[in-house]
Amino acid sequence: MRRLRMGLIGGGAGAFIGPVHRIAAELDREIELVAGAFSSDPARSRQAGDIYRIDPKRAYPDVATMLATEAGRDDGIDFVTIASPNHHHFTASRMALRAGVAVMCDKPATATLAEAKELAAIIARSRRPYGLTYTYSGYPLVREARARVAAGALGIVRKVLVEYPQGWLAGAAEGKQALWRTDPAQAGEGGAIADIGVHAFHLAEFVTGLRVTQLLADLAAVVPGRVLDDDCQVLLRFNNGARGVLLASQIMVGERNGLRLRVYGDKAGLDWSQEQPNILTWRHGDGRTEIIQAADAGLGPDARWATRTPGGHPEGYLEAFANLYRDFARQLRGEEGSLLPGIDDGLRGMAFIHLAVTASRAGAGWVEFEV
């Protein structure tokens, strides 16, 4: 079985997520990065090609040139990964899909909800695989939590708490990563709500299997002079009647990457934290507390498939990211069993961002969640 060939869009010098995609994609030796349009500056794209150690002829000056040239090669790319700022996601996805090339894209799917709706139609017509890197859905114990909730181990879900505190944007935005995330022309409609809030939103729906039906949002740009939100609180109502609270903030000084999910049913509650991802705490209604660890013998098939090392050997962010690429490889080969988020998740994520931003600005109170 040959390795699948990947082209990378974005991820040039100074990028955080581009190298992460490359490491994750190649971890299981199913995929190989062979080409890229790494920057809108041709010189910087060539420089990135040297860093990634690909054939210099396959470090392209732009996406269109890469797609056209790779289509004429016997060993051309099988898919592209889009790791550029949000405002590039729609255009790059559309170009690739119209060229018959599958797409793996960073979240959020697009910069606006209108773009996401148009993209969904393009994907339907193309019939090509499309995946979104909601990274935290790749963790083994997140998949274990999802399976247990689906099997009824929590009982009827009543309460969902999901929080994502960071502190790295508590001051003036400095550096490439901060500057584009605080620029509406590049980030899109939302700031923290689009950067990390949408991760929290997806995690809550992914694990519980529920769907948000209403929300009440309070978003603020706390740092003076900032246009996009950097501090967010959102109340949620789910389709089974459960209530939820979502917090996403990038101005909480001292916080690092504190994504945490707690879900409470009428039989039990669960607690998972991204900074301690190899432990899932299960609180039973009779007072017992069960500590479930990565690679435990009792894990279900989804979690076991996503686990690479024996118990006591921590797995984390890169391995979770790599699990999404393993899922994508399954899809590209026509195999079943993938839990990779796709355009439906992308549409719901963009609807969440759009509704939270617009409702908060208007002081609208509770609004219906509509895609």
Protein backbone atom coordinates (compact mmCIF):
# COMPACT_ATOMS: atom_id res chain seq x y z
CA MET A 1 0.00 0.00 0.00
CA ARG A 2 1.59 3.27 -1.10
CA ARG A 3 1.81 6.32 1.10
CA LEU A 4 -0.71 9.06 0.40
CA ARG A 5 0.83 12.27 -0.95
CA MET A 6 0.06 15.57 0.78
CA GLY A 7 0.34 19.16 -0.39
CA LEU A 8 0.45 21.86 2.29
CA ILE A 9 -1.10 25.31 1.88
CA GLY A 10 0.33 27.78 4.39
CA GLY A 11 2.64 26.73 7.18
CA GLY A 12 5.61 28.86 6.10
CA ALA A 13 8.34 30.36 8.27
CA GLY A 14 7.02 31.52 11.64
CA ALA A 15 3.85 29.41 11.45
CA PHE A 16 2.85 27.28 14.43
CA ILE A 17 0.32 24.89 12.96
CA GLY A 18 2.01 24.00 9.64
CA PRO A 19 4.81 21.93 11.19
CA VAL A 20 2.26 20.32 13.51
CA HIS A 21 0.25 19.17 10.51
CA ARG A 22 3.37 17.75 8.89
CA ILE A 23 4.43 15.83 12.02
CA ALA A 24 0.91 14.51 12.63
CA ALA A 25 0.33 13.49 9.02
CA GLU A 26 3.60 11.56 8.79
CA LEU A 27 3.56 9.95 12.25
CA ASP A 28 2.08 6.64 11.09
CA ARG A 29 3.92 6.53 7.75
CA GLU A 30 0.64 6.46 5.84
CA ILE A 31 1.12 9.98 4.45
CA GLU A 32 4.05 11.96 3.09
CA LEU A 33 4.37 15.72 2.58
CA VAL A 34 5.63 16.12 -0.99
CA ALA A 35 4.54 19.60 -2.11
CA GLY A 36 3.33 22.93 -0.88
CA ALA A 37 2.38 26.54 -1.48
CA PHE A 38 3.65 27.64 1.88
CA SER A 39 3.37 31.42 1.55
CA SER A 40 1.90 34.11 -0.68
CA ASP A 41 5.50 35.28 -1.11
CA PRO A 42 7.20 32.90 -3.61
CA ALA A 43 10.61 33.39 -1.99
CA ARG A 44 9.23 32.48 1.44
CA SER A 45 7.49 29.48 -0.06
CA ARG A 46 10.79 28.23 -1.49
CA GLN A 47 12.44 28.83 1.88
CA ALA A 48 9.75 26.77 3.63
CA GLY A 49 10.22 23.99 1.08
CA ASP A 50 13.87 23.81 2.12
CA ILE A 51 12.85 23.64 5.78
CA TYR A 52 10.39 20.83 5.08
CA ARG A 53 13.03 19.12 2.90
CA ILE A 54 10.86 18.56 -0.14
CA ASP A 55 11.90 18.68 -3.79
CA PRO A 56 12.58 22.40 -4.51
CA LYS A 57 10.53 22.12 -7.71
CA ARG A 58 7.47 21.28 -5.59
CA ALA A 59 7.64 24.39 -3.37
CA TYR A 60 5.18 26.44 -5.42
CA PRO A 61 4.62 30.23 -5.59
CA ASP A 62 0.83 29.90 -5.24
CA VAL A 63 -1.98 27.40 -4.83
CA ALA A 64 -3.16 27.50 -8.45
CA THR A 65 0.31 26.63 -9.75
CA MET A 66 0.62 23.75 -7.28
CA LEU A 67 -2.75 22.25 -8.23
CA ALA A 68 -2.14 22.55 -11.97
CA THR A 69 1.41 21.19 -11.85
CA GLU A 70 0.65 18.34 -9.45
CA ALA A 71 -2.30 17.26 -11.64
CA GLY A 72 0.16 16.62 -14.47
CA ARG A 73 2.51 14.43 -12.43
CA ASP A 74 2.27 10.67 -12.16
CA ASP A 75 3.14 11.07 -8.49
CA GLY A 76 0.91 14.10 -7.85
CA ILE A 77 -0.70 14.94 -4.53
CA ASP A 78 -3.72 13.03 -3.24
CA PHE A 79 -4.96 15.83 -1.01
CA VAL A 80 -4.12 19.26 0.37
CA THR A 81 -3.95 20.43 3.95
CA ILE A 82 -4.96 24.06 4.49
CA ALA A 83 -3.02 25.60 7.38
CA SER A 84 -3.27 29.28 6.46
CA PRO A 85 -5.21 32.01 8.32
CA ASN A 86 -9.00 31.76 8.29
CA HIS A 87 -9.63 34.14 5.38
CA HIS A 88 -7.78 31.74 3.02
CA HIS A 89 -9.76 28.63 3.98
CA PHE A 90 -12.72 29.04 1.65
CA THR A 91 -10.78 30.08 -1.45
CA ALA A 92 -8.15 27.37 -1.03
CA SER A 93 -10.75 24.67 -0.33
CA ARG A 94 -12.80 25.70 -3.36
CA MET A 95 -9.78 25.65 -5.66
CA ALA A 96 -8.68 22.22 -4.49
CA LEU A 97 -12.11 20.62 -4.63
CA ARG A 98 -12.82 21.99 -8.11
CA ALA A 99 -9.50 20.48 -9.17
CA GLY A 100 -10.67 17.10 -7.85
CA VAL A 101 -8.32 17.16 -4.84
CA ALA A 102 -9.49 16.14 -1.35
CA VAL A 103 -9.12 18.67 1.48
CA MET A 104 -8.02 18.57 5.11
CA CYS A 105 -8.56 22.02 6.65
CA ASP A 106 -7.74 23.76 9.88
CA LYS A 107 -10.77 24.90 11.84
CA PRO A 108 -12.85 26.98 11.48
CA ALA A 109 -13.96 25.85 8.04
CA THR A 110 -14.15 29.40 6.67
CA ALA A 111 -14.11 33.03 7.80
CA THR A 112 -17.89 33.50 7.57
CA LEU A 113 -21.06 31.43 7.76
CA ALA A 114 -22.02 32.41 4.22
CA GLU A 115 -18.74 30.99 2.93
CA ALA A 116 -19.30 27.77 4.89
CA LYS A 117 -22.72 27.29 3.28
CA GLU A 118 -21.25 27.79 -0.19
CA LEU A 119 -18.39 25.43 0.62
CA ALA A 120 -20.83 22.72 1.74
CA ALA A 121 -22.49 22.86 -1.68
CA ILE A 122 -19.11 22.64 -3.43
CA ILE A 123 -18.13 19.59 -1.35
CA ALA A 124 -21.42 17.88 -2.17
CA ARG A 125 -20.84 18.40 -5.89
CA SER A 126 -17.18 17.36 -5.79
CA ARG A 127 -17.77 14.08 -3.92
CA ARG A 128 -14.22 14.41 -2.58
CA PRO A 129 -13.33 13.77 1.08
CA TYR A 130 -13.19 16.85 3.30
CA GLY A 131 -11.97 16.88 6.89
CA LEU A 132 -11.59 19.48 9.65
CA THR A 133 -8.91 19.34 12.31
CA TYR A 134 -10.90 19.70 15.50
CA THR A 135 -7.86 18.25 17.19
CA TYR A 136 -9.33 17.33 20.54
CA SER A 137 -11.72 14.82 18.99
CA GLY A 138 -8.63 12.72 18.28
CA TYR A 139 -7.69 12.04 21.91
CA PRO A 140 -8.31 8.41 22.93
CA LEU A 141 -10.13 9.29 26.16
CA VAL A 142 -12.32 11.84 24.41
CA ARG A 143 -13.42 9.05 22.10
CA GLU A 144 -13.90 6.80 25.11
CA ALA A 145 -16.07 9.44 26.79
CA ARG A 146 -18.12 9.79 23.60
CA ALA A 147 -18.69 6.05 23.37
CA ARG A 148 -19.70 5.74 27.03
CA VAL A 149 -22.15 8.64 26.79
CA ALA A 150 -23.67 7.10 23.65
CA ALA A 151 -24.04 3.77 25.50
CA GLY A 152 -26.01 5.50 28.28
CA ALA A 153 -23.38 5.35 31.03
CA LEU A 154 -24.19 8.90 32.14
CA GLY A 155 -27.91 8.37 31.87
CA ILE A 156 -29.84 11.40 30.63
CA VAL A 157 -27.44 14.31 30.11
CA ARG A 158 -28.51 17.31 32.20
CA LYS A 159 -25.56 19.71 32.34
CA VAL A 160 -22.56 20.48 30.11
CA LEU A 161 -19.67 22.70 31.18
CA VAL A 162 -16.87 23.38 28.72
CA GLU A 163 -14.13 25.94 29.23
CA TYR A 164 -11.10 27.02 27.25
CA PRO A 165 -8.98 29.58 29.15
CA GLN A 166 -5.77 31.02 27.72
CA GLY A 167 -3.71 34.04 28.73
CA TRP A 168 -1.39 34.66 25.78
CA LEU A 169 -3.40 37.59 24.38
CA ALA A 170 -3.86 39.41 27.68
CA GLY A 171 -1.60 42.21 26.40
CA ALA A 172 -0.90 43.88 23.09
CA ALA A 173 -0.81 41.49 20.13
CA GLU A 174 2.78 40.80 19.11
CA GLY A 175 4.14 38.36 16.55
CA LYS A 176 2.65 36.67 13.50
CA GLN A 177 0.33 34.32 15.37
CA ALA A 178 -1.22 37.05 17.50
CA LEU A 179 -1.50 39.65 14.75
CA TRP A 180 -3.57 37.65 12.29
CA ARG A 181 -5.86 36.30 15.02
CA THR A 182 -6.77 39.82 16.12
CA ASP A 183 -7.24 41.17 12.58
CA PRO A 184 -10.83 40.90 11.26
CA ALA A 185 -9.56 40.86 7.67
CA GLN A 186 -7.70 37.61 8.37
CA ALA A 187 -9.52 35.98 11.30
CA GLY A 188 -13.07 36.59 10.12
CA GLU A 189 -16.12 37.37 12.25
CA GLY A 190 -14.77 36.24 15.60
CA GLY A 191 -11.63 36.45 17.70
CA ALA A 192 -11.34 34.08 20.66
CA ILE A 193 -14.76 32.64 19.85
CA ALA A 194 -13.43 31.50 16.45
CA ASP A 195 -9.94 30.54 17.58
CA ILE A 196 -10.72 28.47 20.67
CA GLY A 197 -14.43 28.85 21.45
CA VAL A 198 -15.34 26.79 18.41
CA HIS A 199 -13.07 24.00 19.68
CA ALA A 200 -14.98 23.99 22.97
CA PHE A 201 -18.31 24.01 21.13
CA HIS A 202 -17.33 21.08 18.93
CA LEU A 203 -15.97 19.07 21.87
CA ALA A 204 -19.25 19.48 23.78
CA GLU A 205 -21.34 18.25 20.86
CA PHE A 206 -18.85 15.52 19.87
CA VAL A 207 -18.78 13.90 23.30
CA THR A 208 -22.44 14.29 24.30
CA GLY A 209 -23.93 13.54 20.88
CA LEU A 210 -26.36 16.41 21.59
CA ARG A 211 -26.97 19.50 19.47
CA VAL A 212 -27.20 23.08 20.67
CA THR A 213 -30.62 24.56 19.89
CA GLN A 214 -30.37 27.99 21.58
CA LEU A 215 -27.62 30.24 22.92
CA LEU A 216 -27.16 33.45 24.88
CA ALA A 217 -23.78 35.08 24.24
CA ASP A 218 -21.74 37.73 26.02
CA LEU A 219 -18.54 38.52 24.07
CA ALA A 220 -16.12 41.35 24.76
CA ALA A 221 -12.92 42.88 23.42
CA VAL A 222 -11.21 43.51 26.76
CA VAL A 223 -7.75 44.67 25.66
CA PRO A 224 -7.91 48.38 24.72
CA GLY A 225 -7.95 48.99 20.97
CA ARG A 226 -8.84 45.41 20.08
CA VAL A 227 -11.69 44.94 17.59
CA LEU A 228 -12.39 41.22 17.84
CA ASP A 229 -13.54 39.48 21.01
CA ASP A 230 -10.94 38.10 23.40
CA ASP A 231 -13.26 37.06 26.26
CA CYS A 232 -16.46 35.01 25.79
CA GLN A 233 -19.24 33.50 27.89
CA VAL A 234 -22.07 31.60 26.22
CA LEU A 235 -25.07 29.88 27.80
CA LEU A 236 -26.33 26.87 25.85
CA ARG A 237 -29.52 24.87 25.56
CA PHE A 238 -29.38 21.41 23.99
CA ASN A 239 -31.92 19.39 22.02
CA ASN A 240 -32.69 17.06 24.95
CA GLY A 241 -33.39 19.95 27.34
CA ALA A 242 -29.94 19.98 28.96
CA ARG A 243 -28.33 23.31 29.85
CA GLY A 244 -24.70 24.24 29.26
CA VAL A 245 -22.07 26.89 29.85
CA LEU A 246 -19.19 27.63 27.47
CA LEU A 247 -16.27 29.88 28.43
CA ALA A 248 -13.52 30.85 26.01
CA SER A 249 -11.00 33.53 26.91
CA GLN A 250 -7.51 34.55 25.84
CA ILE A 251 -7.00 37.27 28.47
CA MET A 252 -6.87 35.05 31.58
CA VAL A 253 -3.32 35.79 32.73
CA GLY A 254 -1.28 32.68 33.51
CA GLU A 255 -3.58 30.22 31.78
CA ARG A 256 -2.00 28.12 29.04
CA ASN A 257 -4.27 25.74 27.12
CA GLY A 258 -6.87 24.79 29.69
CA LEU A 259 -9.58 23.13 27.62
CA ARG A 260 -11.80 21.14 29.99
CA LEU A 261 -15.11 19.34 29.56
CA ARG A 262 -17.50 18.23 32.30
CA VAL A 263 -20.78 16.50 31.54
CA TYR A 264 -23.37 15.46 34.13
CA GLY A 265 -26.22 13.00 33.64
CA ASP A 266 -28.77 11.55 36.04
CA LYS A 267 -26.51 8.52 36.67
CA ALA A 268 -22.93 9.83 36.55
CA GLY A 269 -20.62 12.68 35.53
CA LEU A 270 -17.42 12.87 33.49
CA ASP A 271 -14.45 15.22 33.60
CA TRP A 272 -11.65 15.50 31.00
CA SER A 273 -8.90 18.11 30.72
CA GLN A 274 -6.63 18.69 27.72
CA GLU A 275 -3.66 19.52 29.94
CA GLN A 276 -4.01 16.07 31.59
CA PRO A 277 -5.37 14.16 28.61
CA ASN A 278 -4.51 10.66 29.74
CA ILE A 279 -7.02 10.69 32.61
CA LEU A 280 -10.80 10.60 32.35
CA THR A 281 -12.62 10.95 35.67
CA TRP A 282 -15.98 9.24 35.97
CA ARG A 283 -18.10 10.12 39.02
CA HIS A 284 -20.79 7.54 39.69
CA GLY A 285 -24.12 8.34 41.27
CA ASP A 286 -23.44 6.04 44.25
CA GLY A 287 -20.44 8.16 45.30
CA ARG A 288 -17.67 6.15 43.65
CA THR A 289 -15.02 7.94 41.60
CA GLU A 290 -13.49 5.96 38.73
CA ILE A 291 -10.17 7.04 37.22
CA ILE A 292 -9.91 5.83 33.62
CA GLN A 293 -6.43 6.04 32.13
CA ALA A 294 -5.15 5.97 28.58
CA ALA A 295 -4.48 2.41 27.36
CA ASP A 296 -6.55 0.83 30.16
CA ALA A 297 -7.60 -2.71 29.32
CA GLY A 298 -11.28 -1.85 29.57
CA LEU A 299 -11.34 0.86 26.90
CA GLY A 300 -13.70 0.50 23.97
CA PRO A 301 -12.69 -0.03 20.34
CA ASP A 302 -12.64 3.65 19.33
CA ALA A 303 -10.23 4.55 22.14
CA ARG A 304 -8.08 1.45 21.60
CA TRP A 305 -7.74 2.24 17.88
CA ALA A 306 -6.57 5.76 18.77
CA THR A 307 -3.96 4.52 21.28
CA ARG A 308 -0.38 3.82 20.23
CA THR A 309 1.56 3.10 23.45
CA PRO A 310 1.12 0.89 26.55
CA GLY A 311 -0.37 2.31 29.74
CA GLY A 312 1.87 4.75 31.57
CA HIS A 313 3.37 6.15 28.37
CA PRO A 314 1.62 9.50 27.90
CA GLU A 315 0.10 10.38 24.55
CA GLY A 316 -0.88 13.94 23.78
CA TYR A 317 -1.55 16.65 21.24
CA LEU A 318 0.56 15.38 18.35
CA GLU A 319 -0.80 11.85 18.63
CA ALA A 320 -4.38 13.15 18.79
CA PHE A 321 -3.71 15.24 15.69
CA ALA A 322 -2.22 12.19 14.00
CA ASN A 323 -5.39 10.22 14.75
CA LEU A 324 -7.33 12.68 12.60
CA TYR A 325 -4.93 11.99 9.74
CA ARG A 326 -5.35 8.24 10.24
CA ASP A 327 -9.10 8.81 9.98
CA PHE A 328 -8.59 10.86 6.83
CA ALA A 329 -6.42 8.15 5.29
CA ARG A 330 -9.27 5.72 5.92
CA GLN A 331 -11.65 8.00 4.03
CA LEU A 332 -9.27 8.49 1.12
CA ARG A 333 -8.95 4.71 0.79
CA GLY A 334 -12.69 4.17 0.99
CA GLU A 335 -12.55 2.47 4.39
CA GLU A 336 -15.13 2.79 7.18
CA GLY A 337 -14.75 3.71 10.83
CA SER A 338 -13.59 7.32 10.61
CA LEU A 339 -14.60 9.79 13.34
CA LEU A 340 -12.99 12.73 11.53
CA PRO A 341 -15.10 15.92 11.70
CA GLY A 342 -16.34 17.14 8.33
CA ILE A 343 -18.32 19.91 6.71
CA ASP A 344 -21.42 19.34 8.87
CA ASP A 345 -19.24 20.08 11.90
CA GLY A 346 -17.80 23.02 9.99
CA LEU A 347 -21.24 24.47 9.31
CA ARG A 348 -22.28 24.14 12.94
CA GLY A 349 -19.02 25.69 14.09
CA MET A 350 -19.43 28.68 11.79
CA ALA A 351 -23.08 29.07 12.83
CA PHE A 352 -21.95 29.09 16.47
CA ILE A 353 -19.36 31.80 15.78
CA HIS A 354 -21.76 33.91 13.71
CA LEU A 355 -24.67 33.67 16.15
CA ALA A 356 -22.52 34.32 19.22
CA VAL A 357 -20.91 37.39 17.66
CA THR A 358 -24.07 38.92 16.21
CA ALA A 359 -26.29 38.15 19.19
CA SER A 360 -23.77 39.55 21.66
CA ARG A 361 -23.32 42.76 19.68
CA ALA A 362 -27.07 43.25 19.43
CA GLY A 363 -27.76 42.34 23.06
CA ALA A 364 -30.30 39.93 21.65
CA GLY A 365 -30.70 37.58 24.61
CA TRP A 366 -31.55 33.97 23.77
CA VAL A 367 -31.41 33.17 20.04
CA GLU A 368 -32.31 30.05 18.10
CA PHE A 369 -29.36 28.04 16.81
CA GLU A 370 -29.87 27.80 13.07
CA VAL A 371 -27.43 26.76 10.37
